[in-house]
Amino acid sequence: MRSADFGMRNFQELRRRVLSGLMIVGVLLGGCSTEPAKMTGPVFAIVKDDLGRSVKLPGKVERVVSLAPSLTESIFAVGAGGRLVGVTTYCNYPDAANAKEKVGDTQTPNVERIVALKPDVVFVSTASQLEAFMQTLEHQNIAVYVMDAKTIAEAIDDLRTLGKLLGVENSAESLAISLEERVRKIESHEGPEAGQRVFIQISNEPLFTIGKDSFLTELIQKAGGSSVTADVPSAYPKLSKETASAMNPNVIILSDSEDNREPNAALKNSVAVRTGRVYRINADIISRPGPRLVDAIEQIAEFLRK
């Protein structure tokens, strides 16, 4: 029994010395405090992009590159334009975008220039952009975030996402609510535009229009009309003249460009041409799934009410 008592006392003494030694080391490493040292270092967040990819972002995103005009517009719209350090040559709205460093076009960006700008994240709008430069950017610890809106609701939700990622949630939420209210106001209007047959001409020769996979089909519906090409496969199909001439729309809307100022000859006998209901709309606002889509809906609604 005495032997056991002696062993227990030795064990307790050893334990006391070990704990005492650990406290001394803690004081030496942590200054005069005996509290555990707090871990410091960069803070990161893992977020999901529109493709469901896990993307590692710094806790505070300070430097951003946008590789799509729609995303550049959206970043400015939520109040984070000051974070943009690089954009594409196609990014021309708002005016402040023209002063940003250009990093090539949408499909063939200059990866070396992007890396040199040291962005925290590069925003892209399509998955096809990833293959060319994803690996290079990841080796440089530059995140790539895909925003791939295919509907008006998704484009508005992407504004909220940008607000969260860029630390401007309040302004992004205010903008999103405002846009949703404008869309609801247009949809609630009851007038002669309801059900009018609309043809959007993207280019004259060859004749390209919109199909069932284009968000513009939804835009026409929101404005109160009905796209005559809503059931045509793909987003931007090429039509034969025979197919186009049989559609006979009430309204033709031209995506305004130098080579698309008149309806295709195949539409010359349509109700729209015979009644003079041919209108032009800014090509950018109907091709970029960003905040100006709502401007496009309002303009199309006005065309249908004339």
Protein backbone atom coordinates (compact mmCIF):
# COMPACT_ATOMS: atom_id res chain seq x y z
CA MET A 1 0.00 0.00 0.00
CA ARG A 2 2.85 2.32 0.88
CA SER A 3 4.51 1.43 -2.41
CA ALA A 4 1.31 2.36 -4.23
CA ASP A 5 1.08 5.67 -2.34
CA PHE A 6 4.67 6.46 -3.25
CA GLY A 7 4.01 5.69 -6.93
CA MET A 8 0.91 7.89 -6.94
CA ARG A 9 2.84 10.80 -5.38
CA ASN A 10 5.56 10.44 -8.01
CA PHE A 11 2.96 10.44 -10.79
CA GLN A 12 1.24 13.56 -9.42
CA GLU A 13 4.58 15.37 -9.09
CA LEU A 14 5.52 14.47 -12.65
CA ARG A 15 2.14 15.70 -13.89
CA ARG A 16 2.55 19.00 -11.99
CA ARG A 17 5.98 19.57 -13.52
CA VAL A 18 4.79 18.83 -17.05
CA LEU A 19 1.85 21.24 -16.74
CA SER A 20 4.09 23.89 -15.21
CA GLY A 21 6.53 23.50 -18.09
CA LEU A 22 3.76 23.84 -20.64
CA MET A 23 2.57 27.07 -19.00
CA ILE A 24 6.09 28.50 -19.13
CA VAL A 25 6.36 27.68 -22.82
CA GLY A 26 2.97 29.28 -23.38
CA VAL A 27 4.11 32.48 -21.66
CA LEU A 28 7.29 32.60 -23.71
CA LEU A 29 5.43 32.09 -26.98
CA GLY A 30 2.41 34.19 -26.22
CA GLY A 31 3.88 37.13 -24.34
CA CYS A 32 2.87 37.68 -20.73
CA SER A 33 -0.55 36.06 -21.07
CA THR A 34 -1.20 32.49 -20.00
CA GLU A 35 -4.28 32.35 -22.28
CA PRO A 36 -4.06 30.15 -25.39
CA ALA A 37 -2.62 32.04 -28.38
CA LYS A 38 -5.28 32.93 -30.97
CA MET A 39 -4.78 31.63 -34.54
CA THR A 40 -4.27 34.39 -37.09
CA GLY A 41 -4.05 34.31 -40.89
CA PRO A 42 -6.13 34.81 -44.02
CA VAL A 43 -9.84 34.07 -43.80
CA PHE A 44 -11.47 32.15 -46.65
CA ALA A 45 -14.99 31.13 -47.57
CA ILE A 46 -16.10 28.20 -49.71
CA VAL A 47 -19.04 29.18 -51.92
CA LYS A 48 -20.97 27.48 -54.73
CA ASP A 49 -21.16 29.11 -58.17
CA ASP A 50 -23.97 28.73 -60.72
CA LEU A 51 -22.50 25.42 -61.92
CA GLY A 52 -22.44 24.03 -58.38
CA ARG A 53 -18.64 24.23 -58.22
CA SER A 54 -17.01 24.86 -54.85
CA VAL A 55 -15.00 28.08 -55.08
CA LYS A 56 -12.58 29.29 -52.40
CA LEU A 57 -12.71 33.06 -51.95
CA PRO A 58 -10.93 35.37 -49.51
CA GLY A 59 -13.08 36.69 -46.70
CA LYS A 60 -12.98 40.14 -48.30
CA VAL A 61 -12.83 40.33 -52.08
CA GLU A 62 -10.92 43.47 -53.10
CA ARG A 63 -9.78 42.87 -56.69
CA VAL A 64 -12.06 41.49 -59.40
CA VAL A 65 -11.79 40.70 -63.12
CA SER A 66 -14.96 40.32 -65.22
CA LEU A 67 -14.90 38.36 -68.47
CA ALA A 68 -18.45 39.20 -69.58
CA PRO A 69 -20.15 42.53 -70.34
CA SER A 70 -23.26 41.40 -68.45
CA LEU A 71 -21.23 40.73 -65.31
CA THR A 72 -19.35 44.01 -65.63
CA GLU A 73 -22.69 45.85 -65.81
CA SER A 74 -23.98 43.89 -62.83
CA ILE A 75 -20.91 44.60 -60.69
CA PHE A 76 -21.22 48.32 -61.38
CA ALA A 77 -24.98 48.19 -60.79
CA VAL A 78 -24.63 46.76 -57.27
CA GLY A 79 -22.10 49.46 -56.37
CA ALA A 80 -18.86 47.48 -56.57
CA GLY A 81 -17.37 48.93 -59.76
CA GLY A 82 -14.38 50.16 -57.77
CA ARG A 83 -13.34 46.53 -57.21
CA LEU A 84 -12.97 45.87 -60.93
CA VAL A 85 -9.34 45.83 -62.02
CA GLY A 86 -9.89 44.20 -65.41
CA VAL A 87 -12.67 43.75 -67.99
CA THR A 88 -13.03 42.58 -71.59
CA THR A 89 -12.81 44.75 -74.69
CA TYR A 90 -16.60 44.29 -75.07
CA CYS A 91 -17.34 45.76 -71.65
CA ASN A 92 -18.56 49.23 -72.63
CA TYR A 93 -21.30 49.97 -70.10
CA PRO A 94 -21.46 51.98 -67.95
CA ASP A 95 -19.00 54.60 -69.22
CA ALA A 96 -16.71 53.91 -66.27
CA ALA A 97 -16.09 50.41 -67.67
CA ASN A 98 -14.16 51.93 -70.57
CA ALA A 99 -11.51 53.19 -68.16
CA LYS A 100 -10.79 49.73 -66.75
CA GLU A 101 -7.79 47.62 -67.80
CA LYS A 102 -8.67 45.46 -70.82
CA VAL A 103 -7.78 41.78 -70.64
CA GLY A 104 -8.80 40.64 -74.12
CA ASP A 105 -12.19 39.57 -75.43
CA THR A 106 -14.74 37.28 -73.85
CA GLN A 107 -13.67 34.00 -75.42
CA THR A 108 -9.90 34.56 -75.67
CA PRO A 109 -8.82 36.56 -72.62
CA ASN A 110 -5.16 37.33 -72.02
CA VAL A 111 -4.37 35.03 -69.09
CA GLU A 112 -0.94 36.57 -68.45
CA ARG A 113 -2.50 40.00 -68.13
CA ILE A 114 -5.15 38.66 -65.76
CA VAL A 115 -2.52 37.04 -63.55
CA ALA A 116 -0.50 40.26 -63.51
CA LEU A 117 -3.54 42.13 -62.13
CA LYS A 118 -3.58 39.81 -59.09
CA PRO A 119 -7.37 39.51 -58.78
CA ASP A 120 -9.01 37.69 -55.89
CA VAL A 121 -11.60 36.28 -58.26
CA VAL A 122 -12.36 36.16 -61.97
CA PHE A 123 -16.05 36.15 -62.89
CA VAL A 124 -17.06 34.33 -66.08
CA SER A 125 -20.48 33.84 -67.65
CA THR A 126 -20.14 30.51 -69.43
CA ALA A 127 -18.63 27.16 -68.62
CA SER A 128 -16.85 27.11 -72.00
CA GLN A 129 -14.56 29.87 -70.77
CA LEU A 130 -13.21 27.66 -68.00
CA GLU A 131 -11.31 25.11 -70.02
CA ALA A 132 -8.80 27.50 -71.55
CA PHE A 133 -7.43 29.14 -68.41
CA MET A 134 -8.87 27.55 -65.28
CA GLN A 135 -5.79 25.51 -64.44
CA THR A 136 -3.42 28.43 -64.97
CA LEU A 137 -5.40 30.72 -62.67
CA GLU A 138 -5.79 28.07 -59.98
CA HIS A 139 -2.01 27.60 -59.91
CA GLN A 140 -1.82 31.33 -59.14
CA ASN A 141 -4.43 31.00 -56.35
CA ILE A 142 -6.93 33.02 -58.38
CA ALA A 143 -10.54 31.85 -57.98
CA VAL A 144 -12.88 31.48 -60.96
CA TYR A 145 -16.59 31.98 -60.31
CA VAL A 146 -19.20 31.11 -62.97
CA MET A 147 -22.45 33.10 -63.16
CA ASP A 148 -24.66 31.50 -65.81
CA ALA A 149 -28.10 33.15 -65.65
CA LYS A 150 -30.61 31.71 -68.11
CA THR A 151 -33.76 33.49 -66.90
CA ILE A 152 -34.69 36.95 -65.71
CA ALA A 153 -35.13 35.68 -62.15
CA GLU A 154 -31.67 34.12 -62.24
CA ALA A 155 -30.12 37.33 -63.56
CA ILE A 156 -31.69 39.27 -60.68
CA ASP A 157 -30.61 36.64 -58.14
CA ASP A 158 -27.06 36.92 -59.47
CA LEU A 159 -27.13 40.58 -58.41
CA ARG A 160 -27.88 39.45 -54.86
CA THR A 161 -25.06 36.92 -55.06
CA LEU A 162 -22.62 39.59 -56.22
CA GLY A 163 -23.75 41.75 -53.32
CA LYS A 164 -22.87 39.01 -50.84
CA LEU A 165 -19.55 38.13 -52.47
CA LEU A 166 -18.43 41.75 -52.80
CA GLY A 167 -19.72 43.06 -49.48
CA VAL A 168 -22.45 45.34 -50.87
CA GLU A 169 -25.51 43.34 -49.86
CA ASN A 170 -27.76 46.28 -49.03
CA SER A 171 -27.36 48.08 -52.36
CA ALA A 172 -27.64 44.81 -54.28
CA GLU A 173 -30.84 43.86 -52.46
CA SER A 174 -32.37 47.29 -53.06
CA LEU A 175 -31.58 47.02 -56.78
CA ALA A 176 -32.97 43.48 -57.02
CA ILE A 177 -36.23 44.46 -55.31
CA SER A 178 -36.59 47.49 -57.60
CA LEU A 179 -36.11 45.37 -60.73
CA GLU A 180 -38.59 42.75 -59.52
CA GLU A 181 -41.18 45.45 -58.86
CA ARG A 182 -40.73 46.87 -62.36
CA VAL A 183 -41.22 43.43 -63.91
CA ARG A 184 -44.37 42.84 -61.83
CA LYS A 185 -45.75 46.20 -62.93
CA ILE A 186 -45.29 45.32 -66.60
CA GLU A 187 -46.83 41.87 -66.14
CA SER A 188 -49.87 43.29 -64.35
CA HIS A 189 -50.69 45.63 -67.24
CA GLU A 190 -53.72 44.60 -69.28
CA GLY A 191 -53.88 46.04 -72.75
CA PRO A 192 -53.88 45.41 -76.51
CA GLU A 193 -50.37 43.98 -76.41
CA ALA A 194 -51.57 40.70 -74.90
CA GLY A 195 -50.74 37.73 -77.10
CA GLN A 196 -49.31 39.70 -80.02
CA ARG A 197 -47.05 37.62 -82.23
CA VAL A 198 -43.49 38.93 -82.07
CA PHE A 199 -40.46 38.14 -84.22
CA ILE A 200 -37.02 39.22 -83.03
CA GLN A 201 -34.48 39.47 -85.81
CA ILE A 202 -30.92 39.13 -84.54
CA SER A 203 -29.33 39.45 -87.99
CA ASN A 204 -30.63 39.95 -91.52
CA GLU A 205 -28.28 37.86 -93.65
CA PRO A 206 -28.09 35.12 -92.64
CA LEU A 207 -31.41 35.31 -90.85
CA PHE A 208 -30.92 34.56 -87.16
CA THR A 209 -33.62 34.85 -84.52
CA ILE A 210 -34.30 33.58 -81.00
CA GLY A 211 -35.48 30.10 -80.02
CA LYS A 212 -36.96 28.34 -77.03
CA ASP A 213 -33.64 28.29 -75.15
CA SER A 214 -33.13 32.06 -75.30
CA PHE A 215 -33.99 34.25 -72.32
CA LEU A 216 -35.42 36.71 -74.87
CA THR A 217 -38.36 34.38 -75.38
CA GLU A 218 -39.20 34.96 -71.72
CA LEU A 219 -38.68 38.73 -72.14
CA ILE A 220 -41.37 38.86 -74.84
CA GLN A 221 -43.73 36.89 -72.65
CA LYS A 222 -43.13 39.20 -69.68
CA ALA A 223 -43.83 42.18 -71.94
CA GLY A 224 -47.21 40.68 -72.85
CA GLY A 225 -46.44 39.22 -76.26
CA SER A 226 -45.76 35.81 -77.72
CA SER A 227 -42.64 34.87 -79.66
CA VAL A 228 -43.44 33.21 -83.01
CA THR A 229 -40.19 31.26 -82.67
CA ALA A 230 -40.75 30.09 -79.09
CA ASP A 231 -40.79 26.45 -80.15
CA VAL A 232 -37.78 26.56 -82.47
CA PRO A 233 -34.92 24.46 -81.02
CA SER A 234 -31.76 26.15 -79.62
CA ALA A 235 -31.23 29.68 -78.34
CA TYR A 236 -30.36 31.53 -81.56
CA PRO A 237 -31.40 29.45 -84.57
CA LYS A 238 -30.80 30.27 -88.22
CA LEU A 239 -34.06 30.26 -90.17
CA SER A 240 -34.73 29.43 -93.79
CA LYS A 241 -36.63 32.05 -95.74
CA GLU A 242 -39.50 29.61 -96.24
CA THR A 243 -39.86 29.07 -92.50
CA ALA A 244 -39.66 32.79 -91.75
CA SER A 245 -42.21 33.82 -94.38
CA ALA A 246 -44.79 31.42 -92.90
CA MET A 247 -44.58 32.95 -89.43
CA ASN A 248 -46.41 36.21 -90.20
CA PRO A 249 -45.70 38.17 -86.99
CA ASN A 250 -47.69 41.24 -85.87
CA VAL A 251 -44.54 42.92 -84.58
CA ILE A 252 -40.91 42.71 -85.69
CA ILE A 253 -38.12 43.86 -83.38
CA LEU A 254 -34.65 44.34 -84.84
CA SER A 255 -31.52 43.98 -82.75
CA ASP A 256 -30.04 47.31 -83.80
CA SER A 257 -26.78 47.09 -85.75
CA GLU A 258 -25.43 48.43 -89.04
CA ASP A 259 -26.26 45.21 -90.91
CA ASN A 260 -29.66 44.68 -89.31
CA ARG A 261 -31.62 47.84 -90.03
CA GLU A 262 -34.42 46.25 -92.09
CA PRO A 263 -36.51 43.09 -91.82
CA ASN A 264 -35.35 40.18 -93.92
CA ALA A 265 -37.00 39.99 -97.36
CA ALA A 266 -38.77 36.79 -96.28
CA LEU A 267 -40.89 38.90 -93.91
CA LYS A 268 -41.95 41.53 -96.45
CA ASN A 269 -45.55 40.27 -96.61
CA SER A 270 -45.98 39.91 -92.85
CA VAL A 271 -48.62 41.88 -90.94
CA ALA A 272 -45.80 43.66 -89.10
CA VAL A 273 -44.23 45.05 -92.27
CA ARG A 274 -47.54 45.90 -93.92
CA THR A 275 -48.72 47.86 -90.84
CA GLY A 276 -45.36 49.49 -90.15
CA ARG A 277 -44.88 47.78 -86.80
CA VAL A 278 -41.14 47.28 -87.12
CA TYR A 279 -39.01 48.55 -84.21
CA ARG A 280 -35.35 48.67 -83.25
CA ILE A 281 -33.86 47.96 -79.85
CA ASN A 282 -30.35 48.37 -78.48
CA ALA A 283 -28.50 45.12 -79.21
CA ASP A 284 -26.64 45.21 -75.90
CA ILE A 285 -29.67 45.30 -73.62
CA ILE A 286 -31.23 42.22 -75.23
CA SER A 287 -28.00 40.23 -75.41
CA ARG A 288 -26.68 40.68 -71.86
CA PRO A 289 -28.41 38.86 -68.99
CA GLY A 290 -27.92 41.68 -66.52
CA PRO A 291 -29.91 44.49 -64.89
CA ARG A 292 -30.79 46.16 -68.21
CA LEU A 293 -32.94 43.19 -69.19
CA VAL A 294 -35.74 44.96 -67.36
CA ASP A 295 -35.17 48.02 -69.57
CA ALA A 296 -35.61 45.69 -72.54
CA ILE A 297 -38.90 44.30 -71.20
CA GLU A 298 -40.24 47.82 -70.70
CA GLN A 299 -39.25 48.86 -74.24
CA ILE A 300 -40.77 45.75 -75.81
CA ALA A 301 -43.99 46.37 -73.84
CA GLU A 302 -44.08 49.89 -75.26
CA PHE A 303 -43.69 48.54 -78.82
CA LEU A 304 -46.58 46.16 -78.28
CA ARG A 305 -48.85 48.93 -77.02
CA LYS A 306 -48.36 51.14 -80.08
